[in-house]
Amino acid sequence: MNYNLTETELELLIDVLSGYLNDLRDEIRHTDNRSYKEELRLREKTLNTIMEKFRQKNESN
């Protein structure tokens, strides 16, 4: 799946995801439920992968 984003749109998306990741990391630290914590860690890992793809795309522009 491909999307054509402007540089400004891509930078905004990266900023929004970065903020969400910071909040997610706080949630992971404060969660006692192990299974929920693992779900959050998987989400964090997936979002980090997505962020890296966006950053690479942004650097190539």
N, C-alpha and C. Protein backbone atom coordinates (compact mmCIF):
# COMPACT_ATOMS: atom_id res chain seq x y z
N MET A 1 0.84 -1.16 0.00
CA MET A 1 0.00 0.00 0.00
C MET A 1 0.90 1.24 0.00
N ASN A 2 0.64 2.14 -0.89
CA ASN A 2 1.44 3.35 -1.00
C ASN A 2 0.57 4.58 -0.84
N TYR A 3 1.12 5.56 -0.15
CA TYR A 3 0.45 6.85 0.01
C TYR A 3 1.42 7.94 -0.39
N ASN A 4 0.92 8.93 -1.06
CA ASN A 4 1.74 10.08 -1.43
C ASN A 4 1.49 11.19 -0.43
N LEU A 5 2.49 11.44 0.40
CA LEU A 5 2.39 12.49 1.41
C LEU A 5 3.39 13.59 1.09
N THR A 6 3.00 14.82 1.38
CA THR A 6 3.95 15.91 1.24
C THR A 6 4.96 15.80 2.37
N GLU A 7 6.05 16.51 2.24
CA GLU A 7 7.07 16.50 3.29
C GLU A 7 6.48 17.00 4.61
N THR A 8 5.66 18.03 4.55
CA THR A 8 5.01 18.58 5.74
C THR A 8 4.09 17.55 6.39
N GLU A 9 3.31 16.85 5.58
CA GLU A 9 2.41 15.83 6.10
C GLU A 9 3.18 14.69 6.76
N LEU A 10 4.26 14.29 6.12
CA LEU A 10 5.08 13.21 6.66
C LEU A 10 5.73 13.62 7.98
N GLU A 11 6.25 14.83 8.05
CA GLU A 11 6.85 15.32 9.30
C GLU A 11 5.82 15.38 10.42
N LEU A 12 4.61 15.83 10.10
CA LEU A 12 3.54 15.88 11.10
C LEU A 12 3.19 14.48 11.58
N LEU A 13 3.09 13.55 10.68
CA LEU A 13 2.77 12.17 11.04
C LEU A 13 3.85 11.59 11.95
N ILE A 14 5.09 11.85 11.64
CA ILE A 14 6.21 11.39 12.48
C ILE A 14 6.11 12.01 13.87
N ASP A 15 5.82 13.30 13.95
CA ASP A 15 5.68 13.98 15.25
C ASP A 15 4.54 13.39 16.08
N VAL A 16 3.41 13.15 15.43
CA VAL A 16 2.25 12.60 16.14
C VAL A 16 2.56 11.19 16.65
N LEU A 17 3.17 10.37 15.81
CA LEU A 17 3.52 9.02 16.24
C LEU A 17 4.56 9.03 17.35
N SER A 18 5.50 9.96 17.29
CA SER A 18 6.50 10.07 18.36
C SER A 18 5.84 10.39 19.70
N GLY A 19 4.89 11.31 19.67
CA GLY A 19 4.17 11.64 20.90
C GLY A 19 3.39 10.46 21.43
N TYR A 20 2.74 9.73 20.53
CA TYR A 20 1.98 8.55 20.94
C TYR A 20 2.92 7.49 21.53
N LEU A 21 4.08 7.30 20.91
CA LEU A 21 5.04 6.33 21.43
C LEU A 21 5.52 6.70 22.82
N ASN A 22 5.73 7.97 23.08
CA ASN A 22 6.12 8.40 24.43
C ASN A 22 5.03 8.06 25.44
N ASP A 23 3.78 8.32 25.08
CA ASP A 23 2.67 7.98 25.97
C ASP A 23 2.57 6.47 26.15
N LEU A 24 2.79 5.73 25.08
CA LEU A 24 2.71 4.28 25.14
C LEU A 24 3.79 3.72 26.07
N ARG A 25 4.97 4.28 26.01
CA ARG A 25 6.06 3.83 26.90
C ARG A 25 5.71 4.08 28.37
N ASP A 26 5.07 5.21 28.64
CA ASP A 26 4.61 5.49 30.01
C ASP A 26 3.58 4.45 30.44
N GLU A 27 2.66 4.14 29.55
CA GLU A 27 1.63 3.14 29.85
C GLU A 27 2.26 1.78 30.13
N ILE A 28 3.26 1.41 29.35
CA ILE A 28 3.95 0.13 29.55
C ILE A 28 4.59 0.10 30.93
N ARG A 29 5.24 1.19 31.32
CA ARG A 29 5.90 1.25 32.63
C ARG A 29 4.92 1.14 33.78
N HIS A 30 3.72 1.66 33.61
CA HIS A 30 2.77 1.72 34.71
C HIS A 30 1.77 0.57 34.72
N THR A 31 1.87 -0.33 33.76
CA THR A 31 0.93 -1.44 33.67
C THR A 31 1.45 -2.64 34.45
N ASP A 32 0.60 -3.20 35.29
CA ASP A 32 0.96 -4.38 36.07
C ASP A 32 0.54 -5.68 35.39
N ASN A 33 -0.47 -5.62 34.56
CA ASN A 33 -0.99 -6.82 33.89
C ASN A 33 0.00 -7.27 32.82
N ARG A 34 0.57 -8.46 33.00
CA ARG A 34 1.63 -8.93 32.11
C ARG A 34 1.17 -9.11 30.67
N SER A 35 0.00 -9.69 30.48
CA SER A 35 -0.45 -9.92 29.10
C SER A 35 -0.74 -8.60 28.39
N TYR A 36 -1.31 -7.65 29.12
CA TYR A 36 -1.57 -6.33 28.54
C TYR A 36 -0.25 -5.62 28.22
N LYS A 37 0.72 -5.77 29.12
CA LYS A 37 2.03 -5.16 28.91
C LYS A 37 2.69 -5.73 27.64
N GLU A 38 2.55 -7.03 27.43
CA GLU A 38 3.11 -7.64 26.23
C GLU A 38 2.42 -7.13 24.96
N GLU A 39 1.11 -6.94 25.03
CA GLU A 39 0.38 -6.37 23.89
C GLU A 39 0.90 -4.97 23.58
N LEU A 40 1.11 -4.19 24.64
CA LEU A 40 1.62 -2.83 24.45
C LEU A 40 3.03 -2.83 23.88
N ARG A 41 3.85 -3.76 24.33
CA ARG A 41 5.22 -3.85 23.81
C ARG A 41 5.22 -4.23 22.33
N LEU A 42 4.31 -5.12 21.95
CA LEU A 42 4.19 -5.48 20.54
C LEU A 42 3.74 -4.28 19.71
N ARG A 43 2.82 -3.52 20.25
CA ARG A 43 2.36 -2.30 19.56
C ARG A 43 3.52 -1.31 19.43
N GLU A 44 4.30 -1.17 20.49
CA GLU A 44 5.46 -0.27 20.45
C GLU A 44 6.45 -0.72 19.38
N LYS A 45 6.73 -2.00 19.33
CA LYS A 45 7.67 -2.53 18.33
C LYS A 45 7.16 -2.27 16.92
N THR A 46 5.90 -2.51 16.69
CA THR A 46 5.31 -2.30 15.37
C THR A 46 5.37 -0.82 14.98
N LEU A 47 5.02 0.05 15.92
CA LEU A 47 5.06 1.49 15.64
C LEU A 47 6.48 1.98 15.39
N ASN A 48 7.45 1.42 16.10
CA ASN A 48 8.85 1.79 15.85
C ASN A 48 9.27 1.39 14.44
N THR A 49 8.81 0.24 13.97
CA THR A 49 9.10 -0.19 12.60
C THR A 49 8.48 0.77 11.59
N ILE A 50 7.24 1.15 11.83
CA ILE A 50 6.56 2.10 10.95
C ILE A 50 7.28 3.45 10.95
N MET A 51 7.65 3.91 12.14
CA MET A 51 8.35 5.20 12.26
C MET A 51 9.66 5.18 11.48
N GLU A 52 10.39 4.08 11.57
CA GLU A 52 11.65 3.98 10.85
C GLU A 52 11.43 4.07 9.34
N LYS A 53 10.38 3.44 8.85
CA LYS A 53 10.07 3.53 7.42
C LYS A 53 9.74 4.97 7.03
N PHE A 54 8.97 5.65 7.86
CA PHE A 54 8.63 7.05 7.58
C PHE A 54 9.87 7.93 7.60
N ARG A 55 10.75 7.69 8.56
CA ARG A 55 11.97 8.50 8.65
C ARG A 55 12.86 8.28 7.42
N GLN A 56 12.99 7.03 7.00
CA GLN A 56 13.79 6.74 5.81
C GLN A 56 13.20 7.42 4.58
N LYS A 57 11.89 7.38 4.47
CA LYS A 57 11.22 8.03 3.35
C LYS A 57 11.44 9.54 3.40
N ASN A 58 11.34 10.10 4.61
CA ASN A 58 11.51 11.54 4.79
C ASN A 58 12.94 11.96 4.45
N GLU A 59 13.93 11.15 4.81
CA GLU A 59 15.32 11.48 4.52
C GLU A 59 15.63 11.38 3.03
N SER A 60 14.91 10.52 2.33
CA SER A 60 15.17 10.36 0.90
C SER A 60 14.55 11.47 0.06
N ASN A 61 13.67 12.28 0.68
CA ASN A 61 13.03 13.39 -0.06
C ASN A 61 13.92 14.60 -0.12
